[in-house]
Protein backbone atom coordinates (compact mmCIF):
# COMPACT_ATOMS: atom_id res chain seq x y z
CA MET A 1 25.56 2.92 -47.14
CA ASP A 2 23.24 -0.01 -46.49
CA THR A 3 19.51 0.52 -46.13
CA ILE A 4 17.70 -1.29 -43.36
CA ILE A 5 14.25 -2.23 -44.56
CA GLY A 6 12.77 -3.54 -41.33
CA PRO A 7 13.58 -4.96 -37.91
CA TRP A 8 16.41 -7.47 -37.67
CA VAL A 9 14.00 -9.86 -35.96
CA SER A 10 10.37 -10.12 -37.04
CA GLU A 11 7.61 -9.45 -34.51
CA ILE A 12 6.58 -13.11 -34.63
CA ASP A 13 10.15 -14.21 -33.82
CA ARG A 14 10.37 -11.67 -30.98
CA ILE A 15 7.13 -12.98 -29.49
CA ASP A 16 8.45 -16.54 -29.72
CA GLN A 17 11.66 -15.44 -27.99
CA LEU A 18 9.64 -13.83 -25.18
CA ARG A 19 7.59 -16.99 -24.68
CA THR A 20 10.58 -19.35 -24.73
CA ARG A 21 13.08 -17.36 -22.67
CA THR A 22 14.31 -18.94 -19.47
CA PRO A 23 13.35 -17.27 -16.20
CA LYS A 24 15.95 -14.90 -14.80
CA VAL A 25 17.72 -16.23 -11.74
CA GLU A 26 18.08 -13.51 -9.16
CA ALA A 27 20.59 -13.75 -6.36
CA THR A 28 19.37 -12.58 -3.00
CA PHE A 29 21.29 -9.85 -1.24
CA PRO A 30 22.34 -11.03 2.22
CA GLU A 31 21.79 -7.62 3.82
CA GLN A 32 18.55 -5.68 4.04
CA LEU A 33 18.28 -2.64 1.77
CA LEU A 34 16.38 0.49 2.51
CA LEU A 35 15.61 3.36 0.18
CA ALA A 36 16.64 6.72 1.60
CA ALA A 37 13.79 8.37 -0.31
CA PRO A 38 10.81 7.22 -2.39
CA PRO A 39 11.67 6.44 -6.04
CA LEU A 40 11.26 9.31 -8.50
CA LEU A 41 10.05 9.30 -12.08
CA PHE A 42 12.19 11.88 -13.90
CA GLN A 43 11.48 12.90 -17.45
CA GLN A 44 13.21 15.24 -19.82
CA ARG A 45 11.15 16.97 -22.45
CA GLY A 46 11.93 18.24 -25.91
CA GLU A 47 9.93 20.05 -28.53
CA ALA A 48 6.31 18.95 -28.50
CA HIS A 49 4.85 17.48 -31.67
CA LEU A 50 1.21 17.07 -32.47
CA CYS A 51 -0.05 13.66 -33.51
CA ASN A 52 -1.77 12.98 -36.75
CA ARG A 53 -4.47 10.66 -35.42
CA THR A 54 -5.01 9.00 -38.79
CA ALA A 55 -1.31 8.25 -39.26
CA MET A 56 -0.85 7.07 -35.65
CA GLN A 57 -3.91 4.81 -35.63
CA THR A 58 -2.26 1.91 -37.48
CA PHE A 59 0.98 2.15 -35.47
CA LEU A 60 -0.81 2.28 -32.12
CA GLN A 61 -3.05 -0.65 -33.08
CA ARG A 62 0.02 -2.75 -33.99
CA GLN A 63 1.68 -1.86 -30.68
CA PHE A 64 -1.50 -2.74 -28.80
CA ASP A 65 -1.78 -6.10 -30.62
CA LEU A 66 1.90 -6.86 -29.92
CA LEU A 67 1.49 -6.02 -26.23
CA ARG A 68 -1.63 -8.17 -25.89
CA GLU A 69 0.02 -11.12 -27.65
CA SER A 70 3.39 -10.96 -25.91
CA HIS A 71 2.58 -9.79 -22.37
CA CYS A 72 -1.16 -10.15 -21.87
CA ILE A 73 -1.81 -13.71 -23.00
CA ILE A 74 -4.51 -14.08 -20.34
CA ALA A 75 -6.90 -11.11 -20.20
CA SER A 76 -6.46 -10.83 -16.42
CA ASP A 77 -2.70 -10.21 -16.91
CA CYS A 78 -3.43 -6.68 -18.15
CA PRO A 79 -6.85 -5.63 -16.82
CA ASN A 80 -6.22 -1.92 -17.53
CA THR A 81 -5.17 -2.42 -21.16
CA LYS A 82 -8.38 -2.71 -23.11
CA SER A 83 -7.60 -0.53 -26.13
CA GLN A 84 -4.75 1.28 -27.83
CA ALA A 85 -5.67 4.45 -25.92
CA ASP A 86 -4.51 2.67 -22.74
CA ILE A 87 -0.98 2.49 -24.19
CA PHE A 88 -0.55 6.00 -25.50
CA LYS A 89 -2.71 9.08 -25.83
CA CYS A 90 -2.28 11.07 -29.03
CA LYS A 91 -1.94 14.80 -28.28
CA THR A 92 -3.82 17.14 -30.58
CA GLN A 93 -3.08 20.40 -28.73
CA MET A 94 0.20 21.98 -27.66
CA ALA A 95 0.69 22.33 -23.91
CA ASP A 96 2.39 24.99 -21.80
CA VAL A 97 6.13 24.23 -21.88
CA SER A 98 7.12 26.20 -18.77
CA ARG A 99 5.44 23.65 -16.50
CA HIS A 100 4.36 20.07 -16.90
CA PHE A 101 1.67 18.38 -14.81
CA GLY A 102 1.81 21.27 -12.36
CA LEU A 103 5.55 20.71 -11.88
CA ASN A 104 8.30 23.25 -12.39
CA ALA A 105 11.47 22.15 -14.15
CA THR A 106 14.19 20.94 -11.81
CA SER A 107 17.79 19.79 -12.07
CA LEU A 108 18.67 16.18 -11.30
CA GLN A 109 22.24 14.93 -11.74
CA GLY A 110 22.94 17.82 -14.11
CA ALA A 111 19.86 17.23 -16.30
CA ILE A 112 16.87 19.57 -16.46
CA GLY A 113 13.46 17.91 -16.37
CA TYR A 114 10.36 17.18 -14.33
CA ALA A 115 10.41 14.87 -11.31
CA ASP A 116 7.53 13.33 -9.41
CA PHE A 117 7.17 10.41 -7.05
CA LEU A 118 6.89 7.19 -9.04
CA TYR A 119 3.91 5.98 -7.01
CA THR A 120 2.00 9.19 -7.85
CA MET A 121 1.95 8.18 -11.51
CA ALA A 122 1.85 4.39 -11.06
CA ASP A 123 -0.85 4.07 -8.41
CA ASN A 124 -3.36 6.71 -9.53
CA ASP A 125 -5.56 7.08 -12.58
CA VAL A 126 -5.76 10.86 -12.18
CA ILE A 127 -3.72 13.51 -10.41
CA VAL A 128 -5.26 16.75 -9.16
CA ARG A 129 -2.95 19.76 -9.22
CA GLU A 130 -3.99 23.40 -8.89
CA GLU A 131 -7.67 22.35 -9.16
CA THR A 132 -7.01 20.65 -12.50
CA VAL A 133 -7.63 16.92 -13.04
CA LEU A 134 -4.81 15.35 -15.04
CA PRO A 135 -4.86 11.75 -16.37
CA ALA A 136 -1.74 9.99 -15.07
CA LEU A 137 -1.30 8.22 -18.43
CA GLU A 138 -0.52 11.59 -20.04
CA PHE A 139 2.55 12.33 -17.89
CA LEU A 140 4.71 10.72 -20.60
CA ASP A 141 3.72 12.02 -24.01
CA THR A 142 5.02 13.05 -27.44
CA ALA A 143 7.29 15.71 -25.92
CA THR A 144 9.04 13.22 -23.59
CA THR A 145 12.60 12.61 -24.78
CA SER A 146 13.70 10.39 -21.88
CA ALA A 147 12.28 8.99 -18.68
CA LYS A 148 14.03 7.19 -15.86
CA ILE A 149 13.30 5.92 -12.41
CA VAL A 150 15.73 7.25 -9.82
CA CYS A 151 16.26 5.51 -6.46
CA LEU A 152 18.50 6.66 -3.61
CA PHE A 153 19.80 3.85 -1.41
């Protein structure tokens, strides 16, 4: 069995690839499309794990630096990304698993998870549910096993 020591492509090479890639050519659809319902953000959750802030600090800082260098070349490109905390919040307490963000678990295409309108999470800094203020950035956390955007045309 071979051991993989690191990524197949270095971070520097990946950044160069991002900067030199050709723009995607998108074909226009001749007919107008209309969503039958607003897009949903659906996440499935697994067993929650607490973060070790000390261990995560270096990883999160590297991810923040990579994001800033590859996607936020000009500061105005990412005005809401000023520190590593804007990328991911490290949980230090276990949460109630029966509900998440005031949502009950639901079934979507045979999967059990939590669904909310995409714009609720994308367009708001905080969400107020049951008289509790919840930071929208914490909807996806260490217990999230998958997340997808679902659209019905």
